[in-house]
C-alpha atoms as a PDB file:
ATOM      1  CA  UNK A   1     -25.811   8.052  -9.420  1.00  0.00           C
ATOM      2  CA  UNK A   2     -26.416   5.828  -6.391  1.00  0.00           C
ATOM      3  CA  UNK A   3     -23.900   3.299  -7.730  1.00  0.00           C
ATOM      4  CA  UNK A   4     -21.273   6.048  -8.036  1.00  0.00           C
ATOM      5  CA  UNK A   5     -21.853   7.210  -4.469  1.00  0.00           C
ATOM      6  CA  UNK A   6     -21.670   3.663  -3.076  1.00  0.00           C
ATOM      7  CA  UNK A   7     -18.617   2.987  -5.235  1.00  0.00           C
ATOM      8  CA  UNK A   8     -16.875   6.075  -3.884  1.00  0.00           C
ATOM      9  CA  UNK A   9     -17.697   5.228  -0.276  1.00  0.00           C
ATOM     10  CA  UNK A  10     -16.539   1.631  -0.707  1.00  0.00           C
ATOM     11  CA  UNK A  11     -13.343   2.758  -2.393  1.00  0.00           C
ATOM     12  CA  UNK A  12     -12.566   5.211   0.408  1.00  0.00           C
ATOM     13  CA  UNK A  13     -13.312   2.804   3.267  1.00  0.00           C
ATOM     14  CA  UNK A  14     -11.758  -0.311   1.710  1.00  0.00           C
ATOM     15  CA  UNK A  15      -8.830   1.700   0.384  1.00  0.00           C
ATOM     16  CA  UNK A  16      -8.140   3.259   3.769  1.00  0.00           C
ATOM     17  CA  UNK A  17      -8.355  -0.028   5.657  1.00  0.00           C
ATOM     18  CA  UNK A  18      -6.458  -2.161   3.142  1.00  0.00           C
ATOM     19  CA  UNK A  19      -3.852   0.587   2.793  1.00  0.00           C
ATOM     20  CA  UNK A  20      -3.414   0.552   6.563  1.00  0.00           C
ATOM     21  CA  UNK A  21      -2.994  -3.244   6.455  1.00  0.00           C
ATOM     22  CA  UNK A  22      -0.357  -2.916   3.724  1.00  0.00           C
ATOM     23  CA  UNK A  23       1.414  -0.209   5.714  1.00  0.00           C
ATOM     24  CA  UNK A  24       1.384  -2.487   8.762  1.00  0.00           C
ATOM     25  CA  UNK A  25       2.835  -5.286   6.640  1.00  0.00           C
ATOM     26  CA  UNK A  26       5.593  -3.080   5.230  1.00  0.00           C
ATOM     27  CA  UNK A  27       6.434  -1.424   8.555  1.00  0.00           C
ATOM     28  CA  UNK A  28       6.785  -4.828  10.201  1.00  0.00           C
ATOM     29  CA  UNK A  29       8.864  -6.090   7.271  1.00  0.00           C
ATOM     30  CA  UNK A  30      11.191  -3.076   7.612  1.00  0.00           C
ATOM     31  CA  UNK A  31      11.225  -3.547  11.402  1.00  0.00           C
ATOM     32  CA  UNK A  32      10.007  -0.024  12.053  1.00  0.00           C
ATOM     33  CA  UNK A  33       9.214   0.248  15.787  1.00  0.00           C
ATOM     34  CA  UNK A  34       5.447   0.494  16.079  1.00  0.00           C
ATOM     35  CA  UNK A  35       4.703   0.146  19.767  1.00  0.00           C
ATOM     36  CA  UNK A  36       3.349   2.966  21.892  1.00  0.00           C
ATOM     37  CA  UNK A  37       6.683   3.064  23.741  1.00  0.00           C
ATOM     38  CA  UNK A  38       8.610   3.750  20.519  1.00  0.00           C
ATOM     39  CA  UNK A  39       6.959   7.149  20.158  1.00  0.00           C
ATOM     40  CA  UNK A  40       5.792   6.290  16.634  1.00  0.00           C
ATOM     41  CA  UNK A  41       2.273   7.744  16.323  1.00  0.00           C
ATOM     42  CA  UNK A  42       1.849   6.253  12.851  1.00  0.00           C
ATOM     43  CA  UNK A  43       2.513   2.733  14.153  1.00  0.00           C
ATOM     44  CA  UNK A  44       0.068   3.224  17.001  1.00  0.00           C
ATOM     45  CA  UNK A  45      -2.565   4.476  14.562  1.00  0.00           C
ATOM     46  CA  UNK A  46      -2.000   1.597  12.117  1.00  0.00           C
ATOM     47  CA  UNK A  47      -2.342  -0.960  14.912  1.00  0.00           C
ATOM     48  CA  UNK A  48      -5.538   0.682  16.181  1.00  0.00           C
ATOM     49  CA  UNK A  49      -7.106   0.686  12.703  1.00  0.00           C
ATOM     50  CA  UNK A  50      -6.103  -2.850  11.675  1.00  0.00           C
ATOM     51  CA  UNK A  51      -6.068  -4.980  14.825  1.00  0.00           C
ATOM     52  CA  UNK A  52      -9.752  -5.929  14.400  1.00  0.00           C
ATOM     53  CA  UNK A  53      -9.025  -7.837  11.195  1.00  0.00           C
ATOM     54  CA  UNK A  54      -5.336  -8.759  11.463  1.00  0.00           C
ATOM     55  CA  UNK A  55      -5.307 -10.326  14.934  1.00  0.00           C
ATOM     56  CA  UNK A  56      -8.033 -12.935  14.207  1.00  0.00           C
ATOM     57  CA  UNK A  57      -6.302 -13.823  10.929  1.00  0.00           C
ATOM     58  CA  UNK A  58      -2.984 -14.164  12.728  1.00  0.00           C
ATOM     59  CA  UNK A  59      -4.436 -17.114  14.680  1.00  0.00           C
ATOM     60  CA  UNK A  60      -4.748 -19.116  11.457  1.00  0.00           C
ATOM     61  CA  UNK A  61      -2.072 -17.515   9.255  1.00  0.00           C
ATOM     62  CA  UNK A  62       1.393 -17.555  10.790  1.00  0.00           C
ATOM     63  CA  UNK A  63       4.059 -15.170   9.573  1.00  0.00           C
ATOM     64  CA  UNK A  64       6.499 -16.443   6.966  1.00  0.00           C
ATOM     65  CA  UNK A  65       9.839 -15.067   8.076  1.00  0.00           C
ATOM     66  CA  UNK A  66       9.492 -11.289   8.206  1.00  0.00           C
ATOM     67  CA  UNK A  67       6.319 -11.391   6.087  1.00  0.00           C
ATOM     68  CA  UNK A  68       3.153 -10.845   8.118  1.00  0.00           C
ATOM     69  CA  UNK A  69       0.756 -12.971   6.073  1.00  0.00           C
ATOM     70  CA  UNK A  70      -2.205 -11.964   8.245  1.00  0.00           C
ATOM     71  CA  UNK A  71      -1.806  -8.287   7.279  1.00  0.00           C
ATOM     72  CA  UNK A  72      -1.447  -9.215   3.615  1.00  0.00           C
ATOM     73  CA  UNK A  73      -4.521 -11.458   3.720  1.00  0.00           C
ATOM     74  CA  UNK A  74      -6.499  -8.769   5.560  1.00  0.00           C
ATOM     75  CA  UNK A  75      -5.675  -6.234   2.842  1.00  0.00           C
ATOM     76  CA  UNK A  76      -6.640  -8.746   0.137  1.00  0.00           C
ATOM     77  CA  UNK A  77      -9.921  -9.659   1.856  1.00  0.00           C
ATOM     78  CA  UNK A  78     -10.849  -5.985   2.153  1.00  0.00           C
ATOM     79  CA  UNK A  79     -10.173  -5.458  -1.551  1.00  0.00           C
ATOM     80  CA  UNK A  80     -12.088  -8.650  -2.334  1.00  0.00           C
ATOM     81  CA  UNK A  81     -15.081  -7.389  -0.344  1.00  0.00           C
ATOM     82  CA  UNK A  82     -14.979  -4.021  -2.121  1.00  0.00           C
ATOM     83  CA  UNK A  83     -14.894  -5.499  -5.619  1.00  0.00           C
ATOM     84  CA  UNK A  84     -17.374  -8.227  -4.717  1.00  0.00           C
ATOM     85  CA  UNK A  85     -19.939  -5.718  -3.475  1.00  0.00           C
ATOM     86  CA  UNK A  86     -19.409  -3.498  -6.512  1.00  0.00           C
ATOM     87  CA  UNK A  87     -19.749  -6.528  -8.788  1.00  0.00           C
ATOM     88  CA  UNK A  88     -23.073  -7.450  -7.185  1.00  0.00           C
ATOM     89  CA  UNK A  89     -24.359  -3.861  -7.225  1.00  0.00           C
ATOM     90  CA  UNK A  90     -23.493  -3.575 -10.912  1.00  0.00           C
ATOM     91  CA  UNK A  91     -25.760  -6.555 -11.542  1.00  0.00           C
ATOM     92  CA  UNK A  92     -23.039  -8.643 -13.141  1.00  0.00           C
ATOM     93  CA  UNK A  93     -24.433 -12.156 -12.860  1.00  0.00           C
ATOM     94  CA  UNK A  94     -21.655 -14.146 -14.485  1.00  0.00           C
ATOM     95  CA  UNK A  95     -17.906 -13.948 -14.337  1.00  0.00           C
ATOM     96  CA  UNK A  96     -17.668 -13.695 -10.573  1.00  0.00           C
ATOM     97  CA  UNK A  97     -14.209 -15.296 -10.864  1.00  0.00           C
ATOM     98  CA  UNK A  98     -12.937 -11.897 -12.113  1.00  0.00           C
ATOM     99  CA  UNK A  99     -13.463 -10.408  -8.627  1.00  0.00           C
ATOM    100  CA  UNK A 100     -10.343 -12.019  -7.070  1.00  0.00           C
ATOM    101  CA  UNK A 101      -8.317 -10.823 -10.076  1.00  0.00           C
ATOM    102  CA  UNK A 102      -9.613  -7.292  -9.567  1.00  0.00           C
ATOM    103  CA  UNK A 103      -8.852  -7.531  -5.850  1.00  0.00           C
ATOM    104  CA  UNK A 104      -5.265  -8.690  -6.471  1.00  0.00           C
ATOM    105  CA  UNK A 105      -4.639  -5.892  -8.953  1.00  0.00           C
ATOM    106  CA  UNK A 106      -6.322  -3.422  -6.595  1.00  0.00           C
ATOM    107  CA  UNK A 107      -3.923  -4.481  -3.863  1.00  0.00           C
ATOM    108  CA  UNK A 108      -0.895  -3.997  -6.112  1.00  0.00           C
ATOM    109  CA  UNK A 109      -2.220  -0.634  -7.285  1.00  0.00           C
ATOM    110  CA  UNK A 110      -2.684   0.387  -3.664  1.00  0.00           C
ATOM    111  CA  UNK A 111       0.902  -0.586  -2.823  1.00  0.00           C
ATOM    112  CA  UNK A 112       2.225   1.495  -5.721  1.00  0.00           C
ATOM    113  CA  UNK A 113       0.050   4.472  -4.773  1.00  0.00           C
ATOM    114  CA  UNK A 114       1.038   4.220  -1.117  1.00  0.00           C
ATOM    115  CA  UNK A 115       4.723   4.137  -1.947  1.00  0.00           C
ATOM    116  CA  UNK A 116       4.267   7.088  -4.320  1.00  0.00           C
ATOM    117  CA  UNK A 117       2.734   9.126  -1.507  1.00  0.00           C
ATOM    118  CA  UNK A 118       5.532   8.074   0.872  1.00  0.00           C
ATOM    119  CA  UNK A 119       8.208   9.132  -1.631  1.00  0.00           C
ATOM    120  CA  UNK A 120       6.547  12.518  -2.155  1.00  0.00           C
ATOM    121  CA  UNK A 121       6.333  13.089   1.607  1.00  0.00           C
ATOM    122  CA  UNK A 122       9.967  11.984   1.948  1.00  0.00           C
ATOM    123  CA  UNK A 123      11.073  14.390  -0.799  1.00  0.00           C
ATOM    124  CA  UNK A 124       9.219  17.313   0.780  1.00  0.00           C
ATOM    125  CA  UNK A 125      10.601  16.512   4.238  1.00  0.00           C
ATOM    126  CA  UNK A 126      14.132  16.229   2.828  1.00  0.00           C
ATOM    127  CA  UNK A 127      14.031  19.918   1.940  1.00  0.00           C
ATOM    128  CA  UNK A 128      13.070  20.867   5.503  1.00  0.00           C
ATOM    129  CA  UNK A 129      15.237  20.001   8.465  1.00  0.00           C
ATOM    130  CA  UNK A 130      12.947  18.201  10.845  1.00  0.00           C
ATOM    131  CA  UNK A 131      13.747  15.941  13.763  1.00  0.00           C
ATOM    132  CA  UNK A 132      10.349  14.319  14.064  1.00  0.00           C
ATOM    133  CA  UNK A 133       9.502  10.683  14.583  1.00  0.00           C
ATOM    134  CA  UNK A 134       7.299  10.764  11.488  1.00  0.00           C
ATOM    135  CA  UNK A 135      10.171  11.935   9.280  1.00  0.00           C
ATOM    136  CA  UNK A 136      12.297   9.065  10.582  1.00  0.00           C
ATOM    137  CA  UNK A 137       9.520   6.548   9.911  1.00  0.00           C
ATOM    138  CA  UNK A 138       9.000   7.814   6.348  1.00  0.00           C
ATOM    139  CA  UNK A 139      12.738   7.681   5.714  1.00  0.00           C
ATOM    140  CA  UNK A 140      12.930   4.090   6.975  1.00  0.00           C
ATOM    141  CA  UNK A 141      10.097   3.111   4.656  1.00  0.00           C
ATOM    142  CA  UNK A 142      11.448   4.808   1.538  1.00  0.00           C
ATOM    143  CA  UNK A 143      15.226   4.362   1.963  1.00  0.00           C
ATOM    144  CA  UNK A 144      15.356   0.665   0.924  1.00  0.00           C
ATOM    145  CA  UNK A 145      13.894   1.562  -2.461  1.00  0.00           C
ATOM    146  CA  UNK A 146      16.141   4.588  -2.917  1.00  0.00           C
ATOM    147  CA  UNK A 147      19.427   2.834  -2.097  1.00  0.00           C
ATOM    148  CA  UNK A 148      19.740   0.888  -5.391  1.00  0.00           C
ATOM    149  CA  UNK A 149      19.024   4.066  -7.353  1.00  0.00           C
ATOM    150  CA  UNK A 150      21.583   6.045  -5.354  1.00  0.00           C
ATOM    151  CA  UNK A 151      24.283   3.529  -6.279  1.00  0.00           C
ATOM    152  CA  UNK A 152      23.906   4.496  -9.928  1.00  0.00           C
ATOM    153  CA  UNK A 153      22.780   8.121  -9.680  1.00  0.00           C
ATOM    154  CA  UNK A 154      25.220  10.455  -7.924  1.00  0.00           C
ATOM    155  CA  UNK A 155      24.234  13.729  -6.316  1.00  0.00           C
ATOM    156  CA  UNK A 156      23.911  16.434  -8.935  1.00  0.00           C
ATOM    157  CA  UNK A 157      24.950  19.821  -7.580  1.00  0.00           C
ATOM    158  CA  UNK A 158      24.352  18.503  -4.075  1.00  0.00           C
ATOM    159  CA  UNK A 159      20.781  17.502  -4.940  1.00  0.00           C
ATOM    160  CA  UNK A 160      19.547  13.924  -4.565  1.00  0.00           C
ATOM    161  CA  UNK A 161      17.393  13.063  -7.576  1.00  0.00           C
ATOM    162  CA  UNK A 162      16.761   9.455  -6.521  1.00  0.00           C
ATOM    163  CA  UNK A 163      13.219  10.214  -5.230  1.00  0.00           C
ATOM    164  CA  UNK A 164      12.342  11.649  -8.648  1.00  0.00           C
ATOM    165  CA  UNK A 165      13.689   8.545 -10.395  1.00  0.00           C
ATOM    166  CA  UNK A 166      11.749   6.319  -7.990  1.00  0.00           C
ATOM    167  CA  UNK A 167       8.552   8.269  -8.690  1.00  0.00           C
ATOM    168  CA  UNK A 168       9.054   7.727 -12.429  1.00  0.00           C
ATOM    169  CA  UNK A 169       9.670   3.997 -11.847  1.00  0.00           C
ATOM    170  CA  UNK A 170       6.514   3.767  -9.718  1.00  0.00           C
ATOM    171  CA  UNK A 171       4.470   5.515 -12.423  1.00  0.00           C
ATOM    172  CA  UNK A 172       5.832   3.120 -15.048  1.00  0.00           C
ATOM    173  CA  UNK A 173       4.938   0.216 -12.757  1.00  0.00           C
ATOM    174  CA  UNK A 174       1.390   1.594 -12.437  1.00  0.00           C
ATOM    175  CA  UNK A 175       1.050   1.796 -16.237  1.00  0.00           C
ATOM    176  CA  UNK A 176       2.360  -1.750 -16.683  1.00  0.00           C
ATOM    177  CA  UNK A 177       0.033  -2.970 -13.935  1.00  0.00           C
ATOM    178  CA  UNK A 178      -2.960  -1.339 -15.625  1.00  0.00           C
ATOM    179  CA  UNK A 179      -2.130  -3.052 -18.915  1.00  0.00           C
ATOM    180  CA  UNK A 180      -1.612  -6.404 -17.165  1.00  0.00           C
ATOM    181  CA  UNK A 181      -4.970  -6.021 -15.434  1.00  0.00           C
ATOM    182  CA  UNK A 182      -6.722  -5.308 -18.724  1.00  0.00           C
ATOM    183  CA  UNK A 183      -5.059  -8.330 -20.340  1.00  0.00           C
ATOM    184  CA  UNK A 184      -5.943 -10.575 -17.375  1.00  0.00           C
ATOM    185  CA  UNK A 185      -9.576  -9.481 -17.438  1.00  0.00           C
ATOM    186  CA  UNK A 186      -9.795  -9.996 -21.208  1.00  0.00           C
ATOM    187  CA  UNK A 187      -8.393 -13.512 -20.791  1.00  0.00           C
ATOM    188  CA  UNK A 188     -10.782 -14.288 -17.937  1.00  0.00           C
END
C-alpha cells in the first residue's frame, strides 16, 4: 500500500513537472509568445514552474536551432528520477540499466498524453466562439499537427473532423509505444 501511495505521488509530481518542461520545449519550438508582456498566462506559469531546473541546465546545454535541449533534458531527468526512485523502492537490485529506458518511454508517453489533452481542449474550444489568449495558444500548439490531416480530409457538412483523426493517430501511437516499451524491456 505504501509503495502505491509513493508511486502515485511521484507520478503526479514528476508528471506535472516533466509535462511542464515538455510544454515549455514545444511552446518555444512553435515560437508561442511566453513572456509576461505577451499576455499568455500559460507561458508565464510554465516558466515559473520550470525555471528552477531548466535555467541551470541551459548553462551547459545550448539550444540546437529551435530545440531547447535544456527543457528536454530537464523533462528526461525528472522522469529518470521518478523511475529510479520507484525502482529502488521496489527493491529491484539488478537491471538498473532499464531505468533510463523506462524514463525515455515515459517521456514519449507524456508527450502523447499532453498532445491528446491539447487536441481535446482545442476541439471543445472550436465549438465555442472565444477570443481568449488561451484559445489562441492551444490553437498554435495543435494546428501544426492538424494541417497535414486537413490537406487530405475535407470539411464534412461544415464540420472539421481532423481533431478526431489526430486523436485516433495519437491513440495508435500510444499503443505502438507500449508494445515497443515491452519489447525493449524484454530485450534488456
